């Protein structure tokens, strides 16, 4: 057993509560959500006890990932004076839809949502998409905006347990690219941002802190349920759900480390009128086969997609000029 594996095993054993240990109060995970002015969707998870935020990174992550789900909890969700109720499933997950109904439309932008379950309470945020928003920016997380080294043996495990929101490095230039994609003149609706990631939903607070700390625009999170049955096929349903819920077209950003090229290309083929552009950060050594890229724009320097997006009126040119001075598009970019 390697020293890393031994450390992780010790952390997991320490994180597991002993039968005699007193249990903490239930806890709630409420990742940032995305909604429309007439209807919002809020999902989350009810845990049997709080995860704890003390100790080394490996221990905190182990506790988060080993937290037990609370099934059958009555969940009450209140958003801007409207309330909906649900019961948590066997994985602790809940989902409610709250319509604006006969009242005024929900205001575009970020608004708080209150959730209560099993004696626990939490406040989340819903990003309501303006009907006139030009597109949705849908993006991956690992190795797209955060250096995770998923493609390297043991890289993802090492990063997950030995780094945290304050120490995991961000991919240089990506926050500036995203800010230029969403900035708009005053009074003009901005695109909404959604991260669709294989990171476990238990790590939602860590991702929120990482994004805030590194200057990324506020975003909704759609994360993976932890388990061997969810190691693949988790992105496609979310992408289809976003297309069904929102009329806006998509700008997709991912990386070449795993299956983003194939997933995004398949979506573009199936919905050719709904995908505006695909940008893929090169996260693997060596050139990628042309068949993998399939019309997407690959890049190593975020200035390349920034210039391309500005040329297509998807990004603010003044922002791009300020963030990437003196840098232009790649020769022969499709």
C-alpha atoms as a PDB file:
ATOM      1  CA  UNK A   1       0.000   0.000   0.000  1.00  0.00           C
ATOM      2  CA  UNK A   2       1.364   3.435  -0.959  1.00  0.00           C
ATOM      3  CA  UNK A   3       1.718   6.167   1.614  1.00  0.00           C
ATOM      4  CA  UNK A   4      -1.125   8.045  -0.100  1.00  0.00           C
ATOM      5  CA  UNK A   5      -3.444   5.028   0.037  1.00  0.00           C
ATOM      6  CA  UNK A   6      -2.533   4.407   3.660  1.00  0.00           C
ATOM      7  CA  UNK A   7      -3.264   8.017   4.552  1.00  0.00           C
ATOM      8  CA  UNK A   8      -6.632   7.884   2.804  1.00  0.00           C
ATOM      9  CA  UNK A   9      -7.551   4.631   4.512  1.00  0.00           C
ATOM     10  CA  UNK A  10      -6.658   6.102   7.894  1.00  0.00           C
ATOM     11  CA  UNK A  11      -8.694   9.202   7.135  1.00  0.00           C
ATOM     12  CA  UNK A  12     -11.735   7.158   6.180  1.00  0.00           C
ATOM     13  CA  UNK A  13     -11.477   5.056   9.333  1.00  0.00           C
ATOM     14  CA  UNK A  14     -11.181   8.186  11.431  1.00  0.00           C
ATOM     15  CA  UNK A  15     -14.089   9.813   9.602  1.00  0.00           C
ATOM     16  CA  UNK A  16     -16.449   6.903  10.192  1.00  0.00           C
ATOM     17  CA  UNK A  17     -18.447   7.540  13.384  1.00  0.00           C
ATOM     18  CA  UNK A  18     -18.159   4.886  16.068  1.00  0.00           C
ATOM     19  CA  UNK A  19     -21.420   3.342  17.325  1.00  0.00           C
ATOM     20  CA  UNK A  20     -20.933   4.959  20.733  1.00  0.00           C
ATOM     21  CA  UNK A  21     -20.138   8.420  19.402  1.00  0.00           C
ATOM     22  CA  UNK A  22     -22.913  10.990  19.750  1.00  0.00           C
ATOM     23  CA  UNK A  23     -24.405  11.980  16.403  1.00  0.00           C
ATOM     24  CA  UNK A  24     -24.555  15.565  15.290  1.00  0.00           C
ATOM     25  CA  UNK A  25     -27.724  17.176  13.960  1.00  0.00           C
ATOM     26  CA  UNK A  26     -28.766  16.400  10.369  1.00  0.00           C
ATOM     27  CA  UNK A  27     -27.257  18.563   7.665  1.00  0.00           C
ATOM     28  CA  UNK A  28     -28.293  19.814   4.242  1.00  0.00           C
ATOM     29  CA  UNK A  29     -26.435  20.198   0.968  1.00  0.00           C
ATOM     30  CA  UNK A  30     -28.090  22.757  -1.310  1.00  0.00           C
ATOM     31  CA  UNK A  31     -25.932  23.407  -4.403  1.00  0.00           C
ATOM     32  CA  UNK A  32     -26.612  26.621  -6.356  1.00  0.00           C
ATOM     33  CA  UNK A  33     -29.569  26.057  -8.678  1.00  0.00           C
ATOM     34  CA  UNK A  34     -30.823  27.399 -12.009  1.00  0.00           C
ATOM     35  CA  UNK A  35     -34.363  28.530 -12.775  1.00  0.00           C
ATOM     36  CA  UNK A  36     -36.609  30.549 -15.057  1.00  0.00           C
ATOM     37  CA  UNK A  37     -38.701  33.591 -14.248  1.00  0.00           C
ATOM     38  CA  UNK A  38     -41.831  31.405 -14.232  1.00  0.00           C
ATOM     39  CA  UNK A  39     -40.448  28.212 -12.649  1.00  0.00           C
ATOM     40  CA  UNK A  40     -37.418  27.255 -10.573  1.00  0.00           C
ATOM     41  CA  UNK A  41     -35.969  23.888  -9.624  1.00  0.00           C
ATOM     42  CA  UNK A  42     -34.147  23.299  -6.333  1.00  0.00           C
ATOM     43  CA  UNK A  43     -32.401  20.051  -5.501  1.00  0.00           C
ATOM     44  CA  UNK A  44     -30.177  18.948  -2.668  1.00  0.00           C
ATOM     45  CA  UNK A  45     -29.373  16.222  -0.214  1.00  0.00           C
ATOM     46  CA  UNK A  46     -30.241  15.504   3.392  1.00  0.00           C
ATOM     47  CA  UNK A  47     -27.390  14.016   5.451  1.00  0.00           C
ATOM     48  CA  UNK A  48     -27.732  12.233   8.768  1.00  0.00           C
ATOM     49  CA  UNK A  49     -25.165  14.522  10.367  1.00  0.00           C
ATOM     50  CA  UNK A  50     -22.977  17.522   9.658  1.00  0.00           C
ATOM     51  CA  UNK A  51     -19.788  16.819   7.725  1.00  0.00           C
ATOM     52  CA  UNK A  52     -17.407  18.775   9.944  1.00  0.00           C
ATOM     53  CA  UNK A  53     -14.968  21.387   8.681  1.00  0.00           C
ATOM     54  CA  UNK A  54     -11.940  20.776  10.892  1.00  0.00           C
ATOM     55  CA  UNK A  55      -8.744  18.780  10.449  1.00  0.00           C
ATOM     56  CA  UNK A  56      -6.491  18.187   7.434  1.00  0.00           C
ATOM     57  CA  UNK A  57      -7.864  18.226   3.892  1.00  0.00           C
ATOM     58  CA  UNK A  58      -7.831  14.422   3.546  1.00  0.00           C
ATOM     59  CA  UNK A  59      -9.865  13.994   6.713  1.00  0.00           C
ATOM     60  CA  UNK A  60     -12.404  16.663   5.824  1.00  0.00           C
ATOM     61  CA  UNK A  61     -12.894  15.211   2.340  1.00  0.00           C
ATOM     62  CA  UNK A  62     -13.164  11.658   3.680  1.00  0.00           C
ATOM     63  CA  UNK A  63     -15.844  12.770   6.135  1.00  0.00           C
ATOM     64  CA  UNK A  64     -17.758  14.564   3.392  1.00  0.00           C
ATOM     65  CA  UNK A  65     -17.681  11.569   1.046  1.00  0.00           C
ATOM     66  CA  UNK A  66     -18.588   9.069   3.771  1.00  0.00           C
ATOM     67  CA  UNK A  67     -21.495  11.089   5.188  1.00  0.00           C
ATOM     68  CA  UNK A  68     -24.645   8.957   5.439  1.00  0.00           C
ATOM     69  CA  UNK A  69     -27.763  10.042   3.560  1.00  0.00           C
ATOM     70  CA  UNK A  70     -31.029  10.541   5.423  1.00  0.00           C
ATOM     71  CA  UNK A  71     -33.953   8.816   3.728  1.00  0.00           C
ATOM     72  CA  UNK A  72     -37.571   9.781   4.274  1.00  0.00           C
ATOM     73  CA  UNK A  73     -36.926  13.254   5.681  1.00  0.00           C
ATOM     74  CA  UNK A  74     -39.674  15.817   5.174  1.00  0.00           C
ATOM     75  CA  UNK A  75     -38.155  18.684   3.192  1.00  0.00           C
ATOM     76  CA  UNK A  76     -39.619  22.198   3.010  1.00  0.00           C
ATOM     77  CA  UNK A  77     -38.276  24.636   0.424  1.00  0.00           C
ATOM     78  CA  UNK A  78     -39.200  28.335   0.395  1.00  0.00           C
ATOM     79  CA  UNK A  79     -38.294  30.649  -2.466  1.00  0.00           C
ATOM     80  CA  UNK A  80     -39.458  34.268  -2.602  1.00  0.00           C
ATOM     81  CA  UNK A  81     -42.591  33.556  -0.582  1.00  0.00           C
ATOM     82  CA  UNK A  82     -43.545  30.317  -2.355  1.00  0.00           C
ATOM     83  CA  UNK A  83     -43.151  26.983  -0.583  1.00  0.00           C
ATOM     84  CA  UNK A  84     -42.888  23.413  -1.869  1.00  0.00           C
ATOM     85  CA  UNK A  85     -42.440  20.136   0.016  1.00  0.00           C
ATOM     86  CA  UNK A  86     -40.825  16.810  -0.757  1.00  0.00           C
ATOM     87  CA  UNK A  87     -39.516  13.675   0.954  1.00  0.00           C
ATOM     88  CA  UNK A  88     -35.859  12.721   0.603  1.00  0.00           C
ATOM     89  CA  UNK A  89     -35.174   9.498  -1.312  1.00  0.00           C
ATOM     90  CA  UNK A  90     -32.941   6.578  -0.405  1.00  0.00           C
ATOM     91  CA  UNK A  91     -29.873   8.609  -1.378  1.00  0.00           C
ATOM     92  CA  UNK A  92     -31.056  11.577   0.658  1.00  0.00           C
ATOM     93  CA  UNK A  93     -31.760  13.509  -2.525  1.00  0.00           C
ATOM     94  CA  UNK A  94     -34.736  15.797  -3.058  1.00  0.00           C
ATOM     95  CA  UNK A  95     -35.997  17.895  -5.958  1.00  0.00           C
ATOM     96  CA  UNK A  96     -38.797  20.450  -5.954  1.00  0.00           C
ATOM     97  CA  UNK A  97     -40.205  22.713  -8.648  1.00  0.00           C
ATOM     98  CA  UNK A  98     -41.692  26.029  -7.559  1.00  0.00           C
ATOM     99  CA  UNK A  99     -43.797  27.971 -10.063  1.00  0.00           C
ATOM    100  CA  UNK A 100     -44.321  31.718  -9.919  1.00  0.00           C
ATOM    101  CA  UNK A 101     -48.005  30.960 -10.425  1.00  0.00           C
ATOM    102  CA  UNK A 102     -50.385  33.905 -10.467  1.00  0.00           C
ATOM    103  CA  UNK A 103     -47.860  36.138  -8.729  1.00  0.00           C
ATOM    104  CA  UNK A 104     -45.246  38.300 -10.397  1.00  0.00           C
ATOM    105  CA  UNK A 105     -42.442  36.533 -12.276  1.00  0.00           C
ATOM    106  CA  UNK A 106     -39.345  35.680 -10.330  1.00  0.00           C
ATOM    107  CA  UNK A 107     -36.704  38.396 -10.794  1.00  0.00           C
ATOM    108  CA  UNK A 108     -33.755  37.515 -12.983  1.00  0.00           C
ATOM    109  CA  UNK A 109     -30.498  37.109 -11.104  1.00  0.00           C
ATOM    110  CA  UNK A 110     -29.526  35.468  -7.830  1.00  0.00           C
ATOM    111  CA  UNK A 111     -32.088  35.076  -5.034  1.00  0.00           C
ATOM    112  CA  UNK A 112     -31.848  33.077  -1.793  1.00  0.00           C
ATOM    113  CA  UNK A 113     -33.746  29.867  -1.118  1.00  0.00           C
ATOM    114  CA  UNK A 114     -34.385  28.445   2.363  1.00  0.00           C
ATOM    115  CA  UNK A 115     -34.488  24.690   2.951  1.00  0.00           C
ATOM    116  CA  UNK A 116     -35.447  22.846   6.129  1.00  0.00           C
ATOM    117  CA  UNK A 117     -35.409  19.101   6.810  1.00  0.00           C
ATOM    118  CA  UNK A 118     -35.068  16.890   9.875  1.00  0.00           C
ATOM    119  CA  UNK A 119     -34.461  19.840  12.148  1.00  0.00           C
ATOM    120  CA  UNK A 120     -31.697  21.197   9.909  1.00  0.00           C
ATOM    121  CA  UNK A 121     -31.785  24.414   7.928  1.00  0.00           C
ATOM    122  CA  UNK A 122     -29.736  25.811   5.066  1.00  0.00           C
ATOM    123  CA  UNK A 123     -29.792  28.757   2.699  1.00  0.00           C
ATOM    124  CA  UNK A 124     -28.912  28.289  -0.952  1.00  0.00           C
ATOM    125  CA  UNK A 125     -29.121  30.408  -4.053  1.00  0.00           C
ATOM    126  CA  UNK A 126     -31.128  30.167  -7.266  1.00  0.00           C
ATOM    127  CA  UNK A 127     -29.793  31.864 -10.383  1.00  0.00           C
ATOM    128  CA  UNK A 128     -32.890  32.868 -12.346  1.00  0.00           C
ATOM    129  CA  UNK A 129     -32.110  33.132 -16.045  1.00  0.00           C
ATOM    130  CA  UNK A 130     -33.376  36.241 -17.799  1.00  0.00           C
ATOM    131  CA  UNK A 131     -35.642  35.193 -20.705  1.00  0.00           C
ATOM    132  CA  UNK A 132     -33.571  37.445 -22.970  1.00  0.00           C
ATOM    133  CA  UNK A 133     -30.226  35.940 -21.912  1.00  0.00           C
ATOM    134  CA  UNK A 134     -28.213  35.245 -25.080  1.00  0.00           C
ATOM    135  CA  UNK A 135     -27.065  31.738 -24.091  1.00  0.00           C
ATOM    136  CA  UNK A 136     -26.208  29.384 -21.259  1.00  0.00           C
ATOM    137  CA  UNK A 137     -22.527  28.793 -20.551  1.00  0.00           C
ATOM    138  CA  UNK A 138     -22.298  25.104 -19.607  1.00  0.00           C
ATOM    139  CA  UNK A 139     -18.921  23.907 -18.423  1.00  0.00           C
ATOM    140  CA  UNK A 140     -16.960  21.082 -16.907  1.00  0.00           C
ATOM    141  CA  UNK A 141     -14.933  21.603 -13.705  1.00  0.00           C
ATOM    142  CA  UNK A 142     -12.034  19.167 -13.304  1.00  0.00           C
ATOM    143  CA  UNK A 143      -9.105  20.007 -15.594  1.00  0.00           C
ATOM    144  CA  UNK A 144     -11.259  22.598 -17.339  1.00  0.00           C
ATOM    145  CA  UNK A 145     -11.133  25.293 -14.658  1.00  0.00           C
ATOM    146  CA  UNK A 146      -9.403  23.433 -11.785  1.00  0.00           C
ATOM    147  CA  UNK A 147      -6.140  21.507 -12.083  1.00  0.00           C
ATOM    148  CA  UNK A 148      -7.137  17.962 -11.080  1.00  0.00           C
ATOM    149  CA  UNK A 149      -4.982  15.720 -13.310  1.00  0.00           C
ATOM    150  CA  UNK A 150      -7.831  13.270 -13.880  1.00  0.00           C
ATOM    151  CA  UNK A 151      -6.007  11.682 -16.824  1.00  0.00           C
ATOM    152  CA  UNK A 152      -2.937  10.793 -14.716  1.00  0.00           C
ATOM    153  CA  UNK A 153      -2.918   7.579 -12.648  1.00  0.00           C
ATOM    154  CA  UNK A 154      -3.988   8.508  -9.132  1.00  0.00           C
ATOM    155  CA  UNK A 155      -4.155  12.186 -10.045  1.00  0.00           C
ATOM    156  CA  UNK A 156      -7.826  12.725  -9.231  1.00  0.00           C
ATOM    157  CA  UNK A 157      -7.585  10.831  -5.930  1.00  0.00           C
ATOM    158  CA  UNK A 158      -4.520  12.764  -4.874  1.00  0.00           C
ATOM    159  CA  UNK A 159      -6.086  16.118  -5.758  1.00  0.00           C
ATOM    160  CA  UNK A 160      -9.427  15.259  -4.153  1.00  0.00           C
ATOM    161  CA  UNK A 161      -7.950  14.272  -0.807  1.00  0.00           C
ATOM    162  CA  UNK A 162      -4.760  16.294  -0.508  1.00  0.00           C
ATOM    163  CA  UNK A 163      -6.061  19.605  -1.868  1.00  0.00           C
ATOM    164  CA  UNK A 164      -9.006  21.761  -0.871  1.00  0.00           C
ATOM    165  CA  UNK A 165     -10.742  24.896  -2.155  1.00  0.00           C
ATOM    166  CA  UNK A 166      -7.922  27.079  -0.888  1.00  0.00           C
ATOM    167  CA  UNK A 167      -5.015  25.033  -2.246  1.00  0.00           C
ATOM    168  CA  UNK A 168      -6.245  23.397  -5.465  1.00  0.00           C
ATOM    169  CA  UNK A 169      -4.818  25.470  -8.322  1.00  0.00           C
ATOM    170  CA  UNK A 170      -7.081  27.058 -10.908  1.00  0.00           C
ATOM    171  CA  UNK A 171      -6.265  26.787 -14.605  1.00  0.00           C
ATOM    172  CA  UNK A 172      -4.658  30.149 -15.448  1.00  0.00           C
ATOM    173  CA  UNK A 173      -6.823  32.478 -17.498  1.00  0.00           C
ATOM    174  CA  UNK A 174     -10.072  30.498 -17.270  1.00  0.00           C
ATOM    175  CA  UNK A 175     -11.776  32.794 -14.757  1.00  0.00           C
ATOM    176  CA  UNK A 176     -11.012  35.774 -16.998  1.00  0.00           C
ATOM    177  CA  UNK A 177     -12.417  33.904 -20.010  1.00  0.00           C
ATOM    178  CA  UNK A 178     -15.652  33.139 -18.159  1.00  0.00           C
ATOM    179  CA  UNK A 179     -16.005  36.704 -16.919  1.00  0.00           C
ATOM    180  CA  UNK A 180     -15.642  37.992 -20.481  1.00  0.00           C
ATOM    181  CA  UNK A 181     -18.288  35.534 -21.661  1.00  0.00           C
ATOM    182  CA  UNK A 182     -20.864  36.779 -19.158  1.00  0.00           C
ATOM    183  CA  UNK A 183     -20.094  40.505 -18.923  1.00  0.00           C
ATOM    184  CA  UNK A 184     -22.616  42.649 -20.765  1.00  0.00           C
ATOM    185  CA  UNK A 185     -23.384  46.383 -20.988  1.00  0.00           C
ATOM    186  CA  UNK A 186     -25.537  47.670 -18.170  1.00  0.00           C
ATOM    187  CA  UNK A 187     -29.180  46.814 -18.754  1.00  0.00           C
ATOM    188  CA  UNK A 188     -28.351  43.934 -21.087  1.00  0.00           C
ATOM    189  CA  UNK A 189     -29.175  40.396 -19.854  1.00  0.00           C
ATOM    190  CA  UNK A 190     -26.120  38.266 -19.142  1.00  0.00           C
ATOM    191  CA  UNK A 191     -25.680  34.564 -19.870  1.00  0.00           C
ATOM    192  CA  UNK A 192     -26.159  32.166 -16.975  1.00  0.00           C
ATOM    193  CA  UNK A 193     -23.420  29.694 -16.000  1.00  0.00           C
ATOM    194  CA  UNK A 194     -23.849  26.032 -15.066  1.00  0.00           C
ATOM    195  CA  UNK A 195     -21.118  23.591 -14.056  1.00  0.00           C
ATOM    196  CA  UNK A 196     -21.920  19.985 -14.992  1.00  0.00           C
ATOM    197  CA  UNK A 197     -19.239  17.918 -13.329  1.00  0.00           C
ATOM    198  CA  UNK A 198     -18.246  14.448 -12.199  1.00  0.00           C
ATOM    199  CA  UNK A 199     -17.259  15.861  -8.830  1.00  0.00           C
ATOM    200  CA  UNK A 200     -19.414  14.232  -6.117  1.00  0.00           C
ATOM    201  CA  UNK A 201     -22.320  16.316  -4.851  1.00  0.00           C
ATOM    202  CA  UNK A 202     -20.869  15.992  -1.344  1.00  0.00           C
ATOM    203  CA  UNK A 203     -18.092  18.348  -2.454  1.00  0.00           C
ATOM    204  CA  UNK A 204     -20.493  21.125  -3.514  1.00  0.00           C
ATOM    205  CA  UNK A 205     -19.406  23.541  -0.733  1.00  0.00           C
ATOM    206  CA  UNK A 206     -15.789  23.055  -1.738  1.00  0.00           C
ATOM    207  CA  UNK A 207     -16.525  23.825  -5.403  1.00  0.00           C
ATOM    208  CA  UNK A 208     -18.522  26.934  -4.505  1.00  0.00           C
ATOM    209  CA  UNK A 209     -15.631  28.247  -2.403  1.00  0.00           C
ATOM    210  CA  UNK A 210     -13.087  27.411  -5.131  1.00  0.00           C
ATOM    211  CA  UNK A 211     -15.066  29.306  -7.763  1.00  0.00           C
ATOM    212  CA  UNK A 212     -15.603  32.336  -5.527  1.00  0.00           C
ATOM    213  CA  UNK A 213     -11.978  32.406  -4.379  1.00  0.00           C
ATOM    214  CA  UNK A 214     -10.641  32.281  -7.939  1.00  0.00           C
ATOM    215  CA  UNK A 215     -12.912  34.930  -9.405  1.00  0.00           C
ATOM    216  CA  UNK A 216     -15.303  32.856 -11.506  1.00  0.00           C
ATOM    217  CA  UNK A 217     -18.800  34.211 -12.188  1.00  0.00           C
ATOM    218  CA  UNK A 218     -21.601  32.905  -9.927  1.00  0.00           C
ATOM    219  CA  UNK A 219     -22.852  29.586 -11.264  1.00  0.00           C
ATOM    220  CA  UNK A 220     -25.249  26.718 -10.707  1.00  0.00           C
ATOM    221  CA  UNK A 221     -23.790  23.291  -9.903  1.00  0.00           C
ATOM    222  CA  UNK A 222     -24.969  19.959 -11.282  1.00  0.00           C
ATOM    223  CA  UNK A 223     -22.794  17.303  -9.643  1.00  0.00           C
ATOM    224  CA  UNK A 224     -22.581  13.520  -9.699  1.00  0.00           C
ATOM    225  CA  UNK A 225     -24.198  11.176  -7.230  1.00  0.00           C
ATOM    226  CA  UNK A 226     -21.403   9.238  -5.590  1.00  0.00           C
ATOM    227  CA  UNK A 227     -21.337   5.517  -6.437  1.00  0.00           C
ATOM    228  CA  UNK A 228     -19.885   2.955  -8.857  1.00  0.00           C
ATOM    229  CA  UNK A 229     -23.002   3.116 -11.016  1.00  0.00           C
ATOM    230  CA  UNK A 230     -22.512   6.815 -11.712  1.00  0.00           C
ATOM    231  CA  UNK A 231     -18.934   6.796 -12.982  1.00  0.00           C
ATOM    232  CA  UNK A 232     -20.173   7.433 -16.521  1.00  0.00           C
ATOM    233  CA  UNK A 233     -23.296   8.685 -18.221  1.00  0.00           C
ATOM    234  CA  UNK A 234     -23.966  11.416 -15.656  1.00  0.00           C
ATOM    235  CA  UNK A 235     -23.462  14.446 -17.920  1.00  0.00           C
ATOM    236  CA  UNK A 236     -25.751  13.565 -20.810  1.00  0.00           C
ATOM    237  CA  UNK A 237     -29.010  13.593 -18.780  1.00  0.00           C
ATOM    238  CA  UNK A 238     -28.147  16.957 -17.233  1.00  0.00           C
ATOM    239  CA  UNK A 239     -27.363  18.497 -20.619  1.00  0.00           C
ATOM    240  CA  UNK A 240     -30.662  17.220 -21.999  1.00  0.00           C
ATOM    241  CA  UNK A 241     -32.493  18.571 -18.955  1.00  0.00           C
ATOM    242  CA  UNK A 242     -30.985  22.009 -19.458  1.00  0.00           C
ATOM    243  CA  UNK A 243     -32.019  21.997 -23.120  1.00  0.00           C
ATOM    244  CA  UNK A 244     -35.549  20.993 -22.116  1.00  0.00           C
ATOM    245  CA  UNK A 245     -35.890  23.562 -19.334  1.00  0.00           C
ATOM    246  CA  UNK A 246     -34.358  26.585 -21.030  1.00  0.00           C
ATOM    247  CA  UNK A 247     -34.878  28.017 -24.537  1.00  0.00           C
ATOM    248  CA  UNK A 248     -31.373  29.479 -24.740  1.00  0.00           C
ATOM    249  CA  UNK A 249     -28.655  27.944 -26.852  1.00  0.00           C
ATOM    250  CA  UNK A 250     -25.533  26.554 -25.214  1.00  0.00           C
ATOM    251  CA  UNK A 251     -21.866  27.465 -25.247  1.00  0.00           C
ATOM    252  CA  UNK A 252     -20.021  24.354 -24.035  1.00  0.00           C
ATOM    253  CA  UNK A 253     -16.574  24.338 -22.417  1.00  0.00           C
ATOM    254  CA  UNK A 254     -14.717  21.192 -21.378  1.00  0.00           C
ATOM    255  CA  UNK A 255     -11.362  19.487 -21.761  1.00  0.00           C
ATOM    256  CA  UNK A 256      -9.787  16.605 -23.634  1.00  0.00           C
ATOM    257  CA  UNK A 257      -8.859  14.626 -20.520  1.00  0.00           C
ATOM    258  CA  UNK A 258     -11.948  12.416 -20.469  1.00  0.00           C
ATOM    259  CA  UNK A 259     -15.116  12.263 -22.586  1.00  0.00           C
ATOM    260  CA  UNK A 260     -16.142  15.907 -22.970  1.00  0.00           C
ATOM    261  CA  UNK A 261     -15.240  15.934 -26.696  1.00  0.00           C
ATOM    262  CA  UNK A 262     -17.449  12.933 -27.462  1.00  0.00           C
ATOM    263  CA  UNK A 263     -20.328  14.037 -25.210  1.00  0.00           C
ATOM    264  CA  UNK A 264     -20.426  17.575 -26.566  1.00  0.00           C
ATOM    265  CA  UNK A 265     -20.060  16.466 -30.200  1.00  0.00           C
ATOM    266  CA  UNK A 266     -22.933  14.006 -29.844  1.00  0.00           C
ATOM    267  CA  UNK A 267     -25.125  16.721 -28.319  1.00  0.00           C
ATOM    268  CA  UNK A 268     -24.284  19.121 -31.141  1.00  0.00           C
ATOM    269  CA  UNK A 269     -25.125  16.495 -33.755  1.00  0.00           C
ATOM    270  CA  UNK A 270     -28.467  15.752 -32.116  1.00  0.00           C
ATOM    271  CA  UNK A 271     -29.341  19.401 -31.450  1.00  0.00           C
ATOM    272  CA  UNK A 272     -27.450  21.340 -34.159  1.00  0.00           C
ATOM    273  CA  UNK A 273     -29.525  24.482 -33.638  1.00  0.00           C
ATOM    274  CA  UNK A 274     -28.990  24.572 -29.858  1.00  0.00           C
ATOM    275  CA  UNK A 275     -25.182  24.494 -29.557  1.00  0.00           C
ATOM    276  CA  UNK A 276     -23.457  27.756 -30.458  1.00  0.00           C
ATOM    277  CA  UNK A 277     -19.824  26.804 -29.858  1.00  0.00           C
ATOM    278  CA  UNK A 278     -17.674  24.140 -28.181  1.00  0.00           C
ATOM    279  CA  UNK A 279     -14.318  24.978 -26.582  1.00  0.00           C
ATOM    280  CA  UNK A 280     -12.017  22.209 -25.363  1.00  0.00           C
ATOM    281  CA  UNK A 281      -8.977  22.818 -23.187  1.00  0.00           C
ATOM    282  CA  UNK A 282      -6.098  20.485 -24.035  1.00  0.00           C
ATOM    283  CA  UNK A 283      -5.571  18.433 -20.872  1.00  0.00           C
ATOM    284  CA  UNK A 284      -3.686  15.532 -22.440  1.00  0.00           C
ATOM    285  CA  UNK A 285      -0.192  15.284 -23.856  1.00  0.00           C
ATOM    286  CA  UNK A 286       0.203  15.108 -27.608  1.00  0.00           C
ATOM    287  CA  UNK A 287      -2.229  16.017 -30.374  1.00  0.00           C
ATOM    288  CA  UNK A 288      -5.836  14.877 -30.240  1.00  0.00           C
ATOM    289  CA  UNK A 289      -7.262  13.024 -33.245  1.00  0.00           C
ATOM    290  CA  UNK A 290      -9.313  15.342 -35.429  1.00  0.00           C
ATOM    291  CA  UNK A 291     -12.298  13.020 -35.043  1.00  0.00           C
ATOM    292  CA  UNK A 292     -12.380  13.772 -31.304  1.00  0.00           C
ATOM    293  CA  UNK A 293     -12.581  17.505 -31.836  1.00  0.00           C
ATOM    294  CA  UNK A 294     -15.383  17.351 -34.442  1.00  0.00           C
ATOM    295  CA  UNK A 295     -15.800  21.076 -35.030  1.00  0.00           C
ATOM    296  CA  UNK A 296     -14.818  22.187 -31.525  1.00  0.00           C
ATOM    297  CA  UNK A 297     -12.050  24.704 -30.931  1.00  0.00           C
ATOM    298  CA  UNK A 298      -9.193  23.172 -28.899  1.00  0.00           C
ATOM    299  CA  UNK A 299      -6.916  25.465 -26.904  1.00  0.00           C
ATOM    300  CA  UNK A 300      -4.074  25.571 -24.442  1.00  0.00           C
ATOM    301  CA  UNK A 301      -4.188  29.326 -23.894  1.00  0.00           C
ATOM    302  CA  UNK A 302      -7.626  30.695 -22.838  1.00  0.00           C
ATOM    303  CA  UNK A 303      -6.903  33.747 -24.983  1.00  0.00           C
ATOM    304  CA  UNK A 304      -7.747  31.574 -28.001  1.00  0.00           C
ATOM    305  CA  UNK A 305     -11.391  30.871 -27.102  1.00  0.00           C
ATOM    306  CA  UNK A 306     -11.707  34.402 -25.693  1.00  0.00           C
ATOM    307  CA  UNK A 307     -10.761  35.928 -29.059  1.00  0.00           C
ATOM    308  CA  UNK A 308     -12.916  33.446 -30.931  1.00  0.00           C
ATOM    309  CA  UNK A 309     -15.909  34.187 -28.696  1.00  0.00           C
ATOM    310  CA  UNK A 310     -15.422  37.940 -29.062  1.00  0.00           C
ATOM    311  CA  UNK A 311     -15.356  37.534 -32.840  1.00  0.00           C
ATOM    312  CA  UNK A 312     -18.689  35.722 -32.651  1.00  0.00           C
ATOM    313  CA  UNK A 313     -20.228  38.325 -30.296  1.00  0.00           C
ATOM    314  CA  UNK A 314     -20.307  35.726 -27.510  1.00  0.00           C
ATOM    315  CA  UNK A 315     -17.806  37.610 -25.328  1.00  0.00           C
ATOM    316  CA  UNK A 316     -17.190  41.270 -24.604  1.00  0.00           C
ATOM    317  CA  UNK A 317     -14.327  42.539 -26.772  1.00  0.00           C
ATOM    318  CA  UNK A 318     -13.198  45.241 -24.324  1.00  0.00           C
ATOM    319  CA  UNK A 319     -13.054  42.646 -21.553  1.00  0.00           C
ATOM    320  CA  UNK A 320     -11.037  40.292 -23.757  1.00  0.00           C
ATOM    321  CA  UNK A 321      -8.623  43.070 -24.736  1.00  0.00           C
ATOM    322  CA  UNK A 322      -8.063  43.919 -21.072  1.00  0.00           C
ATOM    323  CA  UNK A 323      -7.762  40.310 -19.876  1.00  0.00           C
ATOM    324  CA  UNK A 324      -5.623  39.020 -22.759  1.00  0.00           C
ATOM    325  CA  UNK A 325      -3.632  41.979 -24.099  1.00  0.00           C
ATOM    326  CA  UNK A 326      -1.626  41.292 -27.210  1.00  0.00           C
ATOM    327  CA  UNK A 327      -2.934  37.759 -27.622  1.00  0.00           C
ATOM    328  CA  UNK A 328      -4.861  36.666 -30.683  1.00  0.00           C
ATOM    329  CA  UNK A 329      -6.721  33.677 -32.014  1.00  0.00           C
ATOM    330  CA  UNK A 330      -4.898  30.552 -33.071  1.00  0.00           C
ATOM    331  CA  UNK A 331      -4.001  30.400 -36.778  1.00  0.00           C
ATOM    332  CA  UNK A 332      -6.516  28.366 -38.703  1.00  0.00           C
ATOM    333  CA  UNK A 333      -8.998  28.161 -35.816  1.00  0.00           C
ATOM    334  CA  UNK A 334     -12.237  26.662 -37.100  1.00  0.00           C
END
